[in-house]
Amino acid sequence: MSCGVELFNIENLDEPGLMRLYLKVTRYGNLLRIEAVSNGAHDLSIDRNPATLESANNADQYVIYFVNELDRGDLIMAIGHELGHLLLINKYYLKIDPILYVLVRDEEILQAIQNVTHHLILVDLLREEYGIHSDLYLSLIRRNLGEYLSDTELMQEVKALRVFEYEKLVGRVEDVVTAGTQVKSFQKAYESADTRFGKYGFKHMPPSNDYKEDIITFLKDIGQIRQGM
């Protein structure tokens, strides 16, 4: 373990739904560690992004990092959220095709696509199947949307995905942003996301091949991938 990292035993939380999810995820053969880190490590922040899932060794090993200041209730939601991402990747094969990292101009868009599309499914999946709520994640995107959209370093297409996700999971955002007033790249990405991913959900989980096709079509719609590919 590196300095400032503390290996965490998920059994200490004594949460049956979370343990069922953990055991299901670990059936797929990947090594998985859960580690507590201090606020600010691994780009984590208790107010913005309190947990993350990282992979190494060609995805043979995954690590969930979480900010060690989280209380028990928030920790269950944070770890459950990251386990949910891993379940969608390993059981349902809802993941980015590695070839796309070669074909797109900006890799930043790929992680945004996977995160947003997963979240459309995860919120209900975690609640219905494992009794794990997403109040922590939803409160964070409510709190941080305005600041996120004002970030001048973010691609407009990534901002559009976040607004699309917000409106699907939280509600309308007229008080923060109106899609029609944004630049053309924002509008195009928002409209394409709604067309390609708008029906995604726990009850409407796309087959892996359809998921890949939707992502490629979205990337073509926003000019991120060559039309001939």
C-alpha atoms as a PDB file:
ATOM      1  CA  MET A   1       0.000   0.000   0.000  1.00  0.00           C
ATOM      2  CA  SER A   2       1.148   3.488  -0.800  1.00  0.00           C
ATOM      3  CA  CYS A   3       1.546   6.177   1.806  1.00  0.00           C
ATOM      4  CA  GLY A   4      -1.767   7.685   2.899  1.00  0.00           C
ATOM      5  CA  VAL A   5      -3.836   4.710   1.678  1.00  0.00           C
ATOM      6  CA  GLU A   6      -5.690   2.376   4.017  1.00  0.00           C
ATOM      7  CA  LEU A   7      -7.017  -0.985   2.807  1.00  0.00           C
ATOM      8  CA  PHE A   8     -10.702  -1.282   3.675  1.00  0.00           C
ATOM      9  CA  ASN A   9     -12.704  -4.404   4.527  1.00  0.00           C
ATOM     10  CA  ILE A  10     -16.215  -4.000   3.120  1.00  0.00           C
ATOM     11  CA  GLU A  11     -17.577  -6.508   5.643  1.00  0.00           C
ATOM     12  CA  ASN A  12     -17.036  -3.877   8.349  1.00  0.00           C
ATOM     13  CA  LEU A  13     -20.018  -1.942   7.009  1.00  0.00           C
ATOM     14  CA  ASP A  14     -22.351  -4.858   7.842  1.00  0.00           C
ATOM     15  CA  GLU A  15     -24.695  -3.968   4.967  1.00  0.00           C
ATOM     16  CA  PRO A  16     -26.309  -7.082   3.381  1.00  0.00           C
ATOM     17  CA  GLY A  17     -27.273  -5.447   0.078  1.00  0.00           C
ATOM     18  CA  LEU A  18     -23.793  -4.035  -0.419  1.00  0.00           C
ATOM     19  CA  MET A  19     -22.215  -7.417   0.366  1.00  0.00           C
ATOM     20  CA  ARG A  20     -24.482  -9.163  -2.147  1.00  0.00           C
ATOM     21  CA  LEU A  21     -23.401  -6.655  -4.785  1.00  0.00           C
ATOM     22  CA  TYR A  22     -19.731  -7.041  -3.850  1.00  0.00           C
ATOM     23  CA  LEU A  23     -19.908 -10.842  -4.047  1.00  0.00           C
ATOM     24  CA  LYS A  24     -21.641 -10.702  -7.411  1.00  0.00           C
ATOM     25  CA  VAL A  25     -19.079  -8.301  -8.840  1.00  0.00           C
ATOM     26  CA  THR A  26     -16.133 -10.368  -7.607  1.00  0.00           C
ATOM     27  CA  ARG A  27     -17.470 -13.537  -9.255  1.00  0.00           C
ATOM     28  CA  TYR A  28     -16.130 -12.337 -12.557  1.00  0.00           C
ATOM     29  CA  GLY A  29     -12.516 -13.011 -11.690  1.00  0.00           C
ATOM     30  CA  ASN A  30     -11.128  -9.499 -11.362  1.00  0.00           C
ATOM     31  CA  LEU A  31      -8.994  -8.669  -8.376  1.00  0.00           C
ATOM     32  CA  LEU A  32     -10.641  -5.870  -6.413  1.00  0.00           C
ATOM     33  CA  ARG A  33      -9.319  -3.695  -3.610  1.00  0.00           C
ATOM     34  CA  ILE A  34     -11.122  -0.996  -1.688  1.00  0.00           C
ATOM     35  CA  GLU A  35      -8.946   1.720  -0.184  1.00  0.00           C
ATOM     36  CA  ALA A  36      -9.574   4.779   1.962  1.00  0.00           C
ATOM     37  CA  VAL A  37      -7.600   7.891   1.045  1.00  0.00           C
ATOM     38  CA  SER A  38      -7.374  11.404   2.407  1.00  0.00           C
ATOM     39  CA  ASN A  39      -9.471  14.200   0.917  1.00  0.00           C
ATOM     40  CA  GLY A  40      -7.717  15.403  -2.244  1.00  0.00           C
ATOM     41  CA  ALA A  41      -5.908  12.158  -3.084  1.00  0.00           C
ATOM     42  CA  HIS A  42      -6.641  10.551  -6.471  1.00  0.00           C
ATOM     43  CA  ASP A  43      -8.448  13.774  -7.443  1.00  0.00           C
ATOM     44  CA  LEU A  44     -11.165  12.948  -4.919  1.00  0.00           C
ATOM     45  CA  SER A  45     -13.111  15.496  -2.925  1.00  0.00           C
ATOM     46  CA  ILE A  46     -15.817  14.883  -0.366  1.00  0.00           C
ATOM     47  CA  ASP A  47     -17.817  17.769  -1.868  1.00  0.00           C
ATOM     48  CA  ARG A  48     -17.495  16.838  -5.552  1.00  0.00           C
ATOM     49  CA  ASN A  49     -16.256  13.306  -6.221  1.00  0.00           C
ATOM     50  CA  PRO A  50     -15.895  11.226  -3.041  1.00  0.00           C
ATOM     51  CA  ALA A  51     -15.106   7.873  -4.682  1.00  0.00           C
ATOM     52  CA  THR A  52     -13.698   6.507  -7.906  1.00  0.00           C
ATOM     53  CA  LEU A  53     -13.074   3.219  -9.699  1.00  0.00           C
ATOM     54  CA  GLU A  54      -9.662   2.763 -11.293  1.00  0.00           C
ATOM     55  CA  SER A  55      -8.233  -0.145 -13.280  1.00  0.00           C
ATOM     56  CA  ALA A  56      -4.708  -1.359 -13.867  1.00  0.00           C
ATOM     57  CA  ASN A  57      -2.921  -4.283 -15.499  1.00  0.00           C
ATOM     58  CA  ASN A  58      -5.298  -4.349 -18.476  1.00  0.00           C
ATOM     59  CA  ALA A  59      -8.319  -4.332 -16.166  1.00  0.00           C
ATOM     60  CA  ASP A  60      -7.231  -7.508 -14.349  1.00  0.00           C
ATOM     61  CA  GLN A  61      -7.253  -5.472 -11.164  1.00  0.00           C
ATOM     62  CA  TYR A  62      -9.633  -2.748 -10.021  1.00  0.00           C
ATOM     63  CA  VAL A  63      -9.376  -0.409  -7.069  1.00  0.00           C
ATOM     64  CA  ILE A  64     -12.173   1.601  -5.484  1.00  0.00           C
ATOM     65  CA  TYR A  65     -10.796   4.647  -3.675  1.00  0.00           C
ATOM     66  CA  PHE A  66     -12.992   6.636  -1.322  1.00  0.00           C
ATOM     67  CA  VAL A  67     -12.487   9.696   0.849  1.00  0.00           C
ATOM     68  CA  ASN A  68     -12.060   8.507   4.410  1.00  0.00           C
ATOM     69  CA  GLU A  69     -14.185  11.345   5.875  1.00  0.00           C
ATOM     70  CA  LEU A  70     -17.411   9.794   4.558  1.00  0.00           C
ATOM     71  CA  ASP A  71     -19.891   8.651   7.186  1.00  0.00           C
ATOM     72  CA  ARG A  72     -21.303   5.115   7.070  1.00  0.00           C
ATOM     73  CA  GLY A  73     -24.443   5.955   5.083  1.00  0.00           C
ATOM     74  CA  ASP A  74     -22.591   7.942   2.440  1.00  0.00           C
ATOM     75  CA  LEU A  75     -19.842   5.329   2.295  1.00  0.00           C
ATOM     76  CA  ILE A  76     -22.346   2.570   1.512  1.00  0.00           C
ATOM     77  CA  MET A  77     -23.738   4.676  -1.336  1.00  0.00           C
ATOM     78  CA  ALA A  78     -20.298   5.668  -2.627  1.00  0.00           C
ATOM     79  CA  ILE A  79     -18.876   2.143  -2.688  1.00  0.00           C
ATOM     80  CA  GLY A  80     -22.144   0.736  -4.023  1.00  0.00           C
ATOM     81  CA  HIS A  81     -22.079   3.274  -6.850  1.00  0.00           C
ATOM     82  CA  GLU A  82     -18.576   2.231  -7.952  1.00  0.00           C
ATOM     83  CA  LEU A  83     -19.414  -1.480  -7.617  1.00  0.00           C
ATOM     84  CA  GLY A  84     -22.426  -0.795  -9.816  1.00  0.00           C
ATOM     85  CA  HIS A  85     -20.173   0.587 -12.537  1.00  0.00           C
ATOM     86  CA  LEU A  86     -18.047  -2.541 -12.348  1.00  0.00           C
ATOM     87  CA  LEU A  87     -21.133  -4.779 -12.517  1.00  0.00           C
ATOM     88  CA  LEU A  88     -22.258  -3.070 -15.724  1.00  0.00           C
ATOM     89  CA  ILE A  89     -18.785  -3.442 -17.199  1.00  0.00           C
ATOM     90  CA  ASN A  90     -18.184  -7.093 -16.305  1.00  0.00           C
ATOM     91  CA  LYS A  91     -21.645  -8.671 -16.293  1.00  0.00           C
ATOM     92  CA  TYR A  92     -23.440  -6.685 -18.978  1.00  0.00           C
ATOM     93  CA  TYR A  93     -20.375  -5.629 -21.030  1.00  0.00           C
ATOM     94  CA  LEU A  94     -21.472  -2.002 -21.096  1.00  0.00           C
ATOM     95  CA  LYS A  95     -18.053  -0.491 -21.651  1.00  0.00           C
ATOM     96  CA  ILE A  96     -16.111   1.556 -24.146  1.00  0.00           C
ATOM     97  CA  ASP A  97     -14.576  -0.430 -27.009  1.00  0.00           C
ATOM     98  CA  PRO A  98     -10.782   0.103 -26.686  1.00  0.00           C
ATOM     99  CA  ILE A  99     -10.488   0.851 -30.424  1.00  0.00           C
ATOM    100  CA  LEU A 100     -12.401   4.078 -29.863  1.00  0.00           C
ATOM    101  CA  TYR A 101      -9.481   5.505 -27.909  1.00  0.00           C
ATOM    102  CA  VAL A 102      -7.583   5.413 -31.199  1.00  0.00           C
ATOM    103  CA  LEU A 103     -10.387   6.757 -33.378  1.00  0.00           C
ATOM    104  CA  VAL A 104     -11.656   9.750 -31.397  1.00  0.00           C
ATOM    105  CA  ARG A 105     -10.029  13.169 -31.252  1.00  0.00           C
ATOM    106  CA  ASP A 106     -10.663  13.758 -27.535  1.00  0.00           C
ATOM    107  CA  GLU A 107     -10.540  10.794 -25.158  1.00  0.00           C
ATOM    108  CA  GLU A 108     -12.256  12.901 -22.495  1.00  0.00           C
ATOM    109  CA  ILE A 109     -15.595  12.306 -24.212  1.00  0.00           C
ATOM    110  CA  LEU A 110     -15.378   8.510 -23.858  1.00  0.00           C
ATOM    111  CA  GLN A 111     -15.260   8.410 -20.067  1.00  0.00           C
ATOM    112  CA  ALA A 112     -18.085  10.946 -19.946  1.00  0.00           C
ATOM    113  CA  ILE A 113     -20.235   8.739 -22.186  1.00  0.00           C
ATOM    114  CA  GLN A 114     -19.662   5.650 -20.054  1.00  0.00           C
ATOM    115  CA  ASN A 115     -20.313   7.489 -16.802  1.00  0.00           C
ATOM    116  CA  VAL A 116     -23.526   9.135 -17.958  1.00  0.00           C
ATOM    117  CA  THR A 117     -24.998   6.066 -19.638  1.00  0.00           C
ATOM    118  CA  HIS A 118     -24.159   3.920 -16.625  1.00  0.00           C
ATOM    119  CA  HIS A 119     -25.808   6.392 -14.265  1.00  0.00           C
ATOM    120  CA  LEU A 120     -29.077   6.228 -16.200  1.00  0.00           C
ATOM    121  CA  ILE A 121     -29.170   2.516 -15.332  1.00  0.00           C
ATOM    122  CA  LEU A 122     -27.447   2.427 -11.946  1.00  0.00           C
ATOM    123  CA  VAL A 123     -29.747   4.627  -9.902  1.00  0.00           C
ATOM    124  CA  ASP A 124     -32.718   2.271 -10.250  1.00  0.00           C
ATOM    125  CA  LEU A 125     -30.662  -0.933 -10.472  1.00  0.00           C
ATOM    126  CA  LEU A 126     -28.929  -0.306  -7.154  1.00  0.00           C
ATOM    127  CA  ARG A 127     -32.157   0.635  -5.401  1.00  0.00           C
ATOM    128  CA  GLU A 128     -34.322  -2.169  -6.805  1.00  0.00           C
ATOM    129  CA  GLU A 129     -31.817  -5.020  -6.668  1.00  0.00           C
ATOM    130  CA  TYR A 130     -29.668  -4.163  -3.657  1.00  0.00           C
ATOM    131  CA  GLY A 131     -31.520  -1.554  -1.605  1.00  0.00           C
ATOM    132  CA  ILE A 132     -28.720   0.976  -2.162  1.00  0.00           C
ATOM    133  CA  HIS A 133     -29.876   4.531  -2.745  1.00  0.00           C
ATOM    134  CA  SER A 134     -28.129   7.207  -4.814  1.00  0.00           C
ATOM    135  CA  ASP A 135     -28.966  10.251  -2.686  1.00  0.00           C
ATOM    136  CA  LEU A 136     -25.283  11.087  -2.290  1.00  0.00           C
ATOM    137  CA  TYR A 137     -24.564  11.109  -6.024  1.00  0.00           C
ATOM    138  CA  LEU A 138     -27.756  12.990  -6.912  1.00  0.00           C
ATOM    139  CA  SER A 139     -27.110  15.640  -4.259  1.00  0.00           C
ATOM    140  CA  LEU A 140     -23.599  16.161  -5.618  1.00  0.00           C
ATOM    141  CA  ILE A 141     -24.710  16.686  -9.214  1.00  0.00           C
ATOM    142  CA  ARG A 142     -27.432  19.094  -8.033  1.00  0.00           C
ATOM    143  CA  ARG A 143     -24.918  21.076  -6.017  1.00  0.00           C
ATOM    144  CA  ASN A 144     -22.131  21.158  -8.578  1.00  0.00           C
ATOM    145  CA  LEU A 145     -23.857  21.489 -11.961  1.00  0.00           C
ATOM    146  CA  GLY A 146     -23.495  25.259 -12.227  1.00  0.00           C
ATOM    147  CA  GLU A 147     -19.796  25.218 -11.354  1.00  0.00           C
ATOM    148  CA  TYR A 148     -19.240  22.252 -13.677  1.00  0.00           C
ATOM    149  CA  LEU A 149     -20.816  24.061 -16.634  1.00  0.00           C
ATOM    150  CA  SER A 150     -18.792  27.214 -15.997  1.00  0.00           C
ATOM    151  CA  ASP A 151     -15.504  25.289 -16.334  1.00  0.00           C
ATOM    152  CA  THR A 152     -13.907  26.738 -19.472  1.00  0.00           C
ATOM    153  CA  GLU A 153     -11.574  23.749 -19.882  1.00  0.00           C
ATOM    154  CA  LEU A 154     -14.377  21.215 -20.380  1.00  0.00           C
ATOM    155  CA  MET A 155     -15.600  20.256 -23.846  1.00  0.00           C
ATOM    156  CA  GLN A 156     -19.065  21.528 -24.717  1.00  0.00           C
ATOM    157  CA  GLU A 157     -20.029  17.971 -25.637  1.00  0.00           C
ATOM    158  CA  VAL A 158     -19.103  16.757 -22.148  1.00  0.00           C
ATOM    159  CA  LYS A 159     -21.144  19.561 -20.594  1.00  0.00           C
ATOM    160  CA  ALA A 160     -24.091  18.581 -22.786  1.00  0.00           C
ATOM    161  CA  LEU A 161     -23.885  14.999 -21.544  1.00  0.00           C
ATOM    162  CA  ARG A 162     -23.945  16.214 -17.945  1.00  0.00           C
ATOM    163  CA  VAL A 163     -27.027  18.373 -18.576  1.00  0.00           C
ATOM    164  CA  PHE A 164     -28.713  15.446 -20.346  1.00  0.00           C
ATOM    165  CA  GLU A 165     -27.955  13.205 -17.360  1.00  0.00           C
ATOM    166  CA  TYR A 166     -29.193  15.847 -14.900  1.00  0.00           C
ATOM    167  CA  GLU A 167     -32.507  16.199 -16.701  1.00  0.00           C
ATOM    168  CA  LYS A 168     -33.006  12.432 -16.838  1.00  0.00           C
ATOM    169  CA  LEU A 169     -32.201  11.828 -13.174  1.00  0.00           C
ATOM    170  CA  VAL A 170     -33.043  15.071 -11.371  1.00  0.00           C
ATOM    171  CA  GLY A 171     -35.259  17.364 -13.451  1.00  0.00           C
ATOM    172  CA  ARG A 172     -35.257  20.412 -15.688  1.00  0.00           C
ATOM    173  CA  VAL A 173     -32.394  22.864 -15.374  1.00  0.00           C
ATOM    174  CA  GLU A 174     -33.833  26.140 -16.667  1.00  0.00           C
ATOM    175  CA  ASP A 175     -32.513  27.874 -13.571  1.00  0.00           C
ATOM    176  CA  VAL A 176     -28.970  26.793 -14.431  1.00  0.00           C
ATOM    177  CA  VAL A 177     -28.764  26.422 -18.198  1.00  0.00           C
ATOM    178  CA  THR A 178     -31.004  26.209 -21.251  1.00  0.00           C
ATOM    179  CA  ALA A 179     -29.788  23.854 -23.961  1.00  0.00           C
ATOM    180  CA  GLY A 180     -31.057  26.126 -26.733  1.00  0.00           C
ATOM    181  CA  THR A 181     -28.836  29.015 -25.635  1.00  0.00           C
ATOM    182  CA  GLN A 182     -25.620  27.038 -25.826  1.00  0.00           C
ATOM    183  CA  VAL A 183     -23.162  26.875 -28.693  1.00  0.00           C
ATOM    184  CA  LYS A 184     -23.914  24.608 -31.623  1.00  0.00           C
ATOM    185  CA  SER A 185     -21.629  21.797 -30.421  1.00  0.00           C
ATOM    186  CA  PHE A 186     -23.503  21.702 -27.097  1.00  0.00           C
ATOM    187  CA  GLN A 187     -26.900  21.570 -28.811  1.00  0.00           C
ATOM    188  CA  LYS A 188     -25.835  18.834 -31.208  1.00  0.00           C
ATOM    189  CA  ALA A 189     -24.402  16.662 -28.416  1.00  0.00           C
ATOM    190  CA  TYR A 190     -27.454  17.170 -26.187  1.00  0.00           C
ATOM    191  CA  GLU A 191     -29.879  16.242 -28.973  1.00  0.00           C
ATOM    192  CA  SER A 192     -27.849  13.198 -29.993  1.00  0.00           C
ATOM    193  CA  ALA A 193     -27.538  11.975 -26.393  1.00  0.00           C
ATOM    194  CA  ASP A 194     -31.290  12.226 -26.000  1.00  0.00           C
ATOM    195  CA  THR A 195     -31.807  10.261 -29.226  1.00  0.00           C
ATOM    196  CA  ARG A 196     -29.168   7.582 -28.631  1.00  0.00           C
ATOM    197  CA  PHE A 197     -29.325   7.140 -24.850  1.00  0.00           C
ATOM    198  CA  GLY A 198     -32.668   8.639 -23.838  1.00  0.00           C
ATOM    199  CA  LYS A 199     -34.409   5.297 -23.263  1.00  0.00           C
ATOM    200  CA  TYR A 200     -31.621   3.793 -21.157  1.00  0.00           C
ATOM    201  CA  GLY A 201     -32.618   2.637 -17.693  1.00  0.00           C
ATOM    202  CA  PHE A 202     -32.773  -0.357 -15.387  1.00  0.00           C
ATOM    203  CA  LYS A 203     -35.835  -1.648 -17.254  1.00  0.00           C
ATOM    204  CA  HIS A 204     -34.345  -0.718 -20.648  1.00  0.00           C
ATOM    205  CA  MET A 205     -30.752  -1.906 -20.421  1.00  0.00           C
ATOM    206  CA  PRO A 206     -29.216  -2.068 -23.905  1.00  0.00           C
ATOM    207  CA  PRO A 207     -27.551  -5.255 -25.173  1.00  0.00           C
ATOM    208  CA  SER A 208     -23.788  -4.859 -25.404  1.00  0.00           C
ATOM    209  CA  ASN A 209     -23.730  -4.636 -29.213  1.00  0.00           C
ATOM    210  CA  ASP A 210     -26.484  -2.005 -29.273  1.00  0.00           C
ATOM    211  CA  TYR A 211     -24.629  -0.044 -26.608  1.00  0.00           C
ATOM    212  CA  LYS A 212     -21.469   0.019 -28.704  1.00  0.00           C
ATOM    213  CA  GLU A 213     -23.408   1.036 -31.814  1.00  0.00           C
ATOM    214  CA  ASP A 214     -25.181   3.846 -29.927  1.00  0.00           C
ATOM    215  CA  ILE A 215     -21.834   5.178 -28.706  1.00  0.00           C
ATOM    216  CA  ILE A 216     -20.287   5.089 -32.183  1.00  0.00           C
ATOM    217  CA  THR A 217     -23.324   6.826 -33.674  1.00  0.00           C
ATOM    218  CA  PHE A 218     -23.226   9.492 -30.972  1.00  0.00           C
ATOM    219  CA  LEU A 219     -19.532  10.089 -31.658  1.00  0.00           C
ATOM    220  CA  LYS A 220     -20.248  10.419 -35.368  1.00  0.00           C
ATOM    221  CA  ASP A 221     -23.117  12.818 -34.658  1.00  0.00           C
ATOM    222  CA  ILE A 222     -20.790  15.154 -32.773  1.00  0.00           C
ATOM    223  CA  GLY A 223     -17.922  14.839 -35.252  1.00  0.00           C
ATOM    224  CA  GLN A 224     -15.583  12.952 -32.930  1.00  0.00           C
ATOM    225  CA  ILE A 225     -15.115   9.898 -35.157  1.00  0.00           C
ATOM    226  CA  ARG A 226     -14.562   9.513 -38.888  1.00  0.00           C
ATOM    227  CA  GLN A 227     -17.805   8.884 -40.763  1.00  0.00           C
ATOM    228  CA  GLY A 228     -16.292   5.982 -42.673  1.00  0.00           C
ATOM    229  CA  MET A 229     -15.509   3.970 -39.550  1.00  0.00           C
END
